[in-house]
PDB file of N, CA and C in Angstrom:
ATOM      1  N   UNK A   1      29.916  76.162  62.988  1.00  0.00           N
ATOM      2  CA  UNK A   1      29.389  77.721  63.206  1.00  0.00           C
ATOM      3  C   UNK A   1      31.015  78.280  62.361  1.00  0.00           C
ATOM      4  N   UNK A   2      30.439  79.208  61.157  1.00  0.00           N
ATOM      5  CA  UNK A   2      31.413  80.078  60.433  1.00  0.00           C
ATOM      6  C   UNK A   2      31.533  81.020  61.435  1.00  0.00           C
ATOM      7  N   UNK A   3      33.014  81.795  61.909  1.00  0.00           N
ATOM      8  CA  UNK A   3      32.805  83.225  63.097  1.00  0.00           C
ATOM      9  C   UNK A   3      33.574  84.342  61.838  1.00  0.00           C
ATOM     10  N   UNK A   4      32.558  85.318  61.423  1.00  0.00           N
ATOM     11  CA  UNK A   4      33.370  86.553  60.661  1.00  0.00           C
ATOM     12  C   UNK A   4      33.825  87.326  60.959  1.00  0.00           C
ATOM     13  N   UNK A   5      34.803  87.630  61.586  1.00  0.00           N
ATOM     14  CA  UNK A   5      35.561  88.885  62.311  1.00  0.00           C
ATOM     15  C   UNK A   5      36.217  90.084  61.534  1.00  0.00           C
ATOM     16  N   UNK A   6      35.359  90.582  61.494  1.00  0.00           N
ATOM     17  CA  UNK A   6      35.681  92.509  61.748  1.00  0.00           C
ATOM     18  C   UNK A   6      36.966  92.695  62.297  1.00  0.00           C
ATOM     19  N   UNK A   7      37.674  93.653  61.922  1.00  0.00           N
ATOM     20  CA  UNK A   7      38.783  94.190  62.524  1.00  0.00           C
ATOM     21  C   UNK A   7      40.327  93.448  63.805  1.00  0.00           C
ATOM     22  N   UNK A   8      40.531  92.165  62.433  1.00  0.00           N
ATOM     23  CA  UNK A   8      41.194  91.860  62.994  1.00  0.00           C
ATOM     24  C   UNK A   8      42.643  91.647  63.486  1.00  0.00           C
ATOM     25  N   UNK A   9      43.132  92.831  63.141  1.00  0.00           N
ATOM     26  CA  UNK A   9      44.462  93.406  63.479  1.00  0.00           C
ATOM     27  C   UNK A   9      44.479  94.112  64.343  1.00  0.00           C
ATOM     28  N   UNK A  10      43.376  94.724  64.920  1.00  0.00           N
ATOM     29  CA  UNK A  10      43.119  95.912  66.205  1.00  0.00           C
ATOM     30  C   UNK A  10      43.467  94.830  68.103  1.00  0.00           C
ATOM     31  N   UNK A  11      43.649  95.723  68.699  1.00  0.00           N
ATOM     32  CA  UNK A  11      43.878  94.288  70.075  1.00  0.00           C
ATOM     33  C   UNK A  11      43.257  93.648  70.426  1.00  0.00           C
ATOM     34  N   UNK A  12      41.664  94.818  70.125  1.00  0.00           N
ATOM     35  CA  UNK A  12      40.308  93.627  70.389  1.00  0.00           C
ATOM     36  C   UNK A  12      40.580  92.585  69.412  1.00  0.00           C
ATOM     37  N   UNK A  13      39.737  92.646  68.116  1.00  0.00           N
ATOM     38  CA  UNK A  13      41.065  91.900  67.135  1.00  0.00           C
ATOM     39  C   UNK A  13      41.170  90.118  67.051  1.00  0.00           C
ATOM     40  N   UNK A  14      42.308  91.092  67.953  1.00  0.00           N
ATOM     41  CA  UNK A  14      43.617  90.044  67.924  1.00  0.00           C
ATOM     42  C   UNK A  14      43.347  88.971  69.553  1.00  0.00           C
ATOM     43  N   UNK A  15      42.582  89.548  70.694  1.00  0.00           N
ATOM     44  CA  UNK A  15      41.941  88.704  71.391  1.00  0.00           C
ATOM     45  C   UNK A  15      41.320  88.317  70.969  1.00  0.00           C
ATOM     46  N   UNK A  16      39.416  88.764  69.944  1.00  0.00           N
ATOM     47  CA  UNK A  16      38.211  87.694  70.091  1.00  0.00           C
ATOM     48  C   UNK A  16      38.814  86.421  69.174  1.00  0.00           C
ATOM     49  N   UNK A  17      40.426  86.841  68.308  1.00  0.00           N
ATOM     50  CA  UNK A  17      40.495  85.797  67.213  1.00  0.00           C
ATOM     51  C   UNK A  17      40.507  84.004  67.787  1.00  0.00           C
ATOM     52  N   UNK A  18      41.461  85.090  69.196  1.00  0.00           N
ATOM     53  CA  UNK A  18      42.030  83.738  69.974  1.00  0.00           C
ATOM     54  C   UNK A  18      40.668  83.111  71.007  1.00  0.00           C
ATOM     55  N   UNK A  19      39.660  83.400  71.280  1.00  0.00           N
ATOM     56  CA  UNK A  19      38.926  83.235  71.964  1.00  0.00           C
ATOM     57  C   UNK A  19      37.788  82.963  71.353  1.00  0.00           C
ATOM     58  N   UNK A  20      37.067  83.245  70.355  1.00  0.00           N
ATOM     59  CA  UNK A  20      36.301  82.872  69.331  1.00  0.00           C
ATOM     60  C   UNK A  20      36.601  81.068  68.694  1.00  0.00           C
ATOM     61  N   UNK A  21      37.850  80.840  68.514  1.00  0.00           N
ATOM     62  CA  UNK A  21      37.926  80.491  67.805  1.00  0.00           C
ATOM     63  C   UNK A  21      38.290  78.266  68.425  1.00  0.00           C
ATOM     64  N   UNK A  22      37.492  78.380  69.571  1.00  0.00           N
ATOM     65  CA  UNK A  22      37.377  77.096  70.755  1.00  0.00           C
ATOM     66  C   UNK A  22      35.094  76.917  69.805  1.00  0.00           C
ATOM     67  N   UNK A  23      35.258  78.201  69.128  1.00  0.00           N
ATOM     68  CA  UNK A  23      33.389  78.025  69.296  1.00  0.00           C
ATOM     69  C   UNK A  23      33.239  77.455  67.781  1.00  0.00           C
ATOM     70  N   UNK A  24      33.919  77.118  66.807  1.00  0.00           N
ATOM     71  CA  UNK A  24      34.302  77.011  65.465  1.00  0.00           C
ATOM     72  C   UNK A  24      35.571  77.996  64.102  1.00  0.00           C
ATOM     73  N   UNK A  25      35.276  76.837  63.007  1.00  0.00           N
ATOM     74  CA  UNK A  25      36.179  78.002  62.193  1.00  0.00           C
ATOM     75  C   UNK A  25      35.777  79.796  62.587  1.00  0.00           C
ATOM     76  N   UNK A  26      36.976  80.450  62.351  1.00  0.00           N
ATOM     77  CA  UNK A  26      36.967  82.128  62.797  1.00  0.00           C
ATOM     78  C   UNK A  26      38.097  82.482  61.443  1.00  0.00           C
ATOM     79  N   UNK A  27      36.928  83.621  60.465  1.00  0.00           N
ATOM     80  CA  UNK A  27      37.379  84.106  58.968  1.00  0.00           C
ATOM     81  C   UNK A  27      37.941  85.744  59.399  1.00  0.00           C
ATOM     82  N   UNK A  28      39.071  85.955  59.818  1.00  0.00           N
ATOM     83  CA  UNK A  28      39.325  87.650  60.548  1.00  0.00           C
ATOM     84  C   UNK A  28      39.434  87.861  59.239  1.00  0.00           C
ATOM     85  N   UNK A  29      39.056  89.185  59.238  1.00  0.00           N
ATOM     86  CA  UNK A  29      39.271  89.663  58.228  1.00  0.00           C
ATOM     87  C   UNK A  29      39.729  91.167  58.617  1.00  0.00           C
ATOM     88  N   UNK A  30      40.632  92.094  57.903  1.00  0.00           N
ATOM     89  CA  UNK A  30      41.396  92.663  57.918  1.00  0.00           C
ATOM     90  C   UNK A  30      40.757  94.245  57.283  1.00  0.00           C
ATOM     91  N   UNK A  31      41.080  95.786  57.859  1.00  0.00           N
ATOM     92  CA  UNK A  31      40.262  96.679  56.581  1.00  0.00           C
ATOM     93  C   UNK A  31      40.396  95.963  55.311  1.00  0.00           C
ATOM     94  N   UNK A  32      41.997  95.810  54.301  1.00  0.00           N
ATOM     95  CA  UNK A  32      42.606  96.047  52.628  1.00  0.00           C
ATOM     96  C   UNK A  32      41.093  94.291  52.588  1.00  0.00           C
ATOM     97  N   UNK A  33      40.788  93.711  53.535  1.00  0.00           N
ATOM     98  CA  UNK A  33      39.781  92.543  53.006  1.00  0.00           C
ATOM     99  C   UNK A  33      38.599  93.166  52.927  1.00  0.00           C
ATOM    100  N   UNK A  34      38.583  94.183  54.068  1.00  0.00           N
ATOM    101  CA  UNK A  34      36.737  94.167  54.093  1.00  0.00           C
ATOM    102  C   UNK A  34      36.633  95.382  54.708  1.00  0.00           C
ATOM    103  N   UNK A  35      36.632  96.718  53.938  1.00  0.00           N
ATOM    104  CA  UNK A  35      36.846  98.135  54.273  1.00  0.00           C
ATOM    105  C   UNK A  35      35.209  98.537  54.033  1.00  0.00           C
ATOM    106  N   UNK A  36      34.782  98.771  55.583  1.00  0.00           N
ATOM    107  CA  UNK A  36      33.643  99.040  56.665  1.00  0.00           C
ATOM    108  C   UNK A  36      33.207 100.132  55.437  1.00  0.00           C
ATOM    109  N   UNK A  37      33.790 100.968  54.880  1.00  0.00           N
ATOM    110  CA  UNK A  37      33.979 102.491  54.465  1.00  0.00           C
ATOM    111  C   UNK A  37      33.159 101.580  53.067  1.00  0.00           C
ATOM    112  N   UNK A  38      33.900 100.731  52.666  1.00  0.00           N
ATOM    113  CA  UNK A  38      33.240 100.059  51.356  1.00  0.00           C
ATOM    114  C   UNK A  38      32.076  99.262  51.232  1.00  0.00           C
ATOM    115  N   UNK A  39      30.855  99.480  51.237  1.00  0.00           N
ATOM    116  CA  UNK A  39      29.729  98.605  51.509  1.00  0.00           C
ATOM    117  C   UNK A  39      29.387  97.360  50.727  1.00  0.00           C
ATOM    118  N   UNK A  40      30.074  97.757  49.289  1.00  0.00           N
ATOM    119  CA  UNK A  40      30.225  96.682  48.386  1.00  0.00           C
ATOM    120  C   UNK A  40      31.033  96.384  48.761  1.00  0.00           C
ATOM    121  N   UNK A  41      31.839  95.673  48.880  1.00  0.00           N
ATOM    122  CA  UNK A  41      33.645  95.371  49.200  1.00  0.00           C
ATOM    123  C   UNK A  41      32.393  94.391  50.474  1.00  0.00           C
ATOM    124  N   UNK A  42      32.618  94.725  51.488  1.00  0.00           N
ATOM    125  CA  UNK A  42      31.638  94.416  52.958  1.00  0.00           C
ATOM    126  C   UNK A  42      30.693  93.460  52.077  1.00  0.00           C
ATOM    127  N   UNK A  43      29.852  93.522  51.793  1.00  0.00           N
ATOM    128  CA  UNK A  43      28.730  93.003  51.351  1.00  0.00           C
ATOM    129  C   UNK A  43      29.169  91.197  50.549  1.00  0.00           C
ATOM    130  N   UNK A  44      30.259  92.415  49.797  1.00  0.00           N
ATOM    131  CA  UNK A  44      30.542  90.102  48.931  1.00  0.00           C
ATOM    132  C   UNK A  44      31.755  89.800  49.879  1.00  0.00           C
ATOM    133  N   UNK A  45      32.502  90.596  51.209  1.00  0.00           N
ATOM    134  CA  UNK A  45      32.849  89.198  51.754  1.00  0.00           C
ATOM    135  C   UNK A  45      31.622  89.132  52.804  1.00  0.00           C
ATOM    136  N   UNK A  46      30.285  89.418  53.003  1.00  0.00           N
ATOM    137  CA  UNK A  46      29.630  88.482  53.929  1.00  0.00           C
ATOM    138  C   UNK A  46      29.212  87.678  52.851  1.00  0.00           C
ATOM    139  N   UNK A  47      28.719  87.873  51.592  1.00  0.00           N
ATOM    140  CA  UNK A  47      27.732  86.470  51.044  1.00  0.00           C
ATOM    141  C   UNK A  47      28.981  85.521  50.257  1.00  0.00           C
ATOM    142  N   UNK A  48      30.271  85.685  50.213  1.00  0.00           N
ATOM    143  CA  UNK A  48      31.268  84.500  50.397  1.00  0.00           C
ATOM    144  C   UNK A  48      31.115  83.830  50.974  1.00  0.00           C
ATOM    145  N   UNK A  49      31.660  84.373  52.510  1.00  0.00           N
ATOM    146  CA  UNK A  49      31.546  83.813  53.276  1.00  0.00           C
ATOM    147  C   UNK A  49      31.057  83.459  54.092  1.00  0.00           C
ATOM    148  N   UNK A  50      29.300  83.977  53.887  1.00  0.00           N
ATOM    149  CA  UNK A  50      28.414  83.458  54.577  1.00  0.00           C
ATOM    150  C   UNK A  50      28.382  82.706  55.893  1.00  0.00           C
ATOM    151  N   UNK A  51      28.741  83.542  57.047  1.00  0.00           N
ATOM    152  CA  UNK A  51      28.756  83.536  58.486  1.00  0.00           C
ATOM    153  C   UNK A  51      27.667  83.295  59.623  1.00  0.00           C
ATOM    154  N   UNK A  52      27.821  81.817  60.460  1.00  0.00           N
ATOM    155  CA  UNK A  52      26.944  81.744  60.941  1.00  0.00           C
ATOM    156  C   UNK A  52      26.588  83.101  62.099  1.00  0.00           C
ATOM    157  N   UNK A  53      28.297  84.227  62.207  1.00  0.00           N
ATOM    158  CA  UNK A  53      27.682  85.010  62.991  1.00  0.00           C
ATOM    159  C   UNK A  53      29.275  86.282  62.381  1.00  0.00           C
ATOM    160  N   UNK A  54      28.301  87.106  63.129  1.00  0.00           N
ATOM    161  CA  UNK A  54      29.522  88.373  62.657  1.00  0.00           C
ATOM    162  C   UNK A  54      29.849  89.350  63.845  1.00  0.00           C
ATOM    163  N   UNK A  55      31.363  89.093  64.162  1.00  0.00           N
ATOM    164  CA  UNK A  55      31.792  90.074  64.862  1.00  0.00           C
ATOM    165  C   UNK A  55      32.305  91.632  64.718  1.00  0.00           C
ATOM    166  N   UNK A  56      32.032  92.739  64.728  1.00  0.00           N
ATOM    167  CA  UNK A  56      32.575  93.965  64.834  1.00  0.00           C
ATOM    168  C   UNK A  56      33.080  94.307  65.518  1.00  0.00           C
ATOM    169  N   UNK A  57      34.363  93.257  65.785  1.00  0.00           N
ATOM    170  CA  UNK A  57      35.741  94.598  66.444  1.00  0.00           C
ATOM    171  C   UNK A  57      36.809  95.327  65.535  1.00  0.00           C
ATOM    172  N   UNK A  58      36.209  96.303  64.557  1.00  0.00           N
ATOM    173  CA  UNK A  58      36.360  97.277  63.854  1.00  0.00           C
ATOM    174  C   UNK A  58      36.988  98.787  64.484  1.00  0.00           C
ATOM    175  N   UNK A  59      37.511  99.304  63.923  1.00  0.00           N
ATOM    176  CA  UNK A  59      37.861 100.603  64.763  1.00  0.00           C
ATOM    177  C   UNK A  59      37.177 100.877  66.219  1.00  0.00           C
ATOM    178  N   UNK A  60      37.722  99.584  66.208  1.00  0.00           N
ATOM    179  CA  UNK A  60      37.305  99.818  68.686  1.00  0.00           C
ATOM    180  C   UNK A  60      38.841 100.965  69.031  1.00  0.00           C
ATOM    181  N   UNK A  61      38.609 101.422  69.446  1.00  0.00           N
ATOM    182  CA  UNK A  61      40.274 102.238  69.996  1.00  0.00           C
ATOM    183  C   UNK A  61      40.205 102.199  71.669  1.00  0.00           C
ATOM    184  N   UNK A  62      39.068 102.098  72.600  1.00  0.00           N
ATOM    185  CA  UNK A  62      39.150 102.604  73.971  1.00  0.00           C
ATOM    186  C   UNK A  62      39.361 101.634  74.547  1.00  0.00           C
ATOM    187  N   UNK A  63      40.642 100.731  74.346  1.00  0.00           N
ATOM    188  CA  UNK A  63      40.661  99.279  75.211  1.00  0.00           C
ATOM    189  C   UNK A  63      41.828  99.283  76.300  1.00  0.00           C
ATOM    190  N   UNK A  64      42.496 100.591  76.793  1.00  0.00           N
ATOM    191  CA  UNK A  64      43.192 100.416  77.822  1.00  0.00           C
ATOM    192  C   UNK A  64      42.097 100.250  78.840  1.00  0.00           C
TER     193      UNK A  64
END
């Protein structure tokens, strides 16, 4: 099962990358690779990776 993780460089994304790893390969993307403001780029990334699961940790700032 391939997992696509958006927001990989944030605090939540960083921890999720480690927590999700036992479930299978995690493809962790940062904004430069999958900008949520660019639907075409995001769609391309999803088609290319073909994940079984998508986790969106992008733009989550209430982590304290």
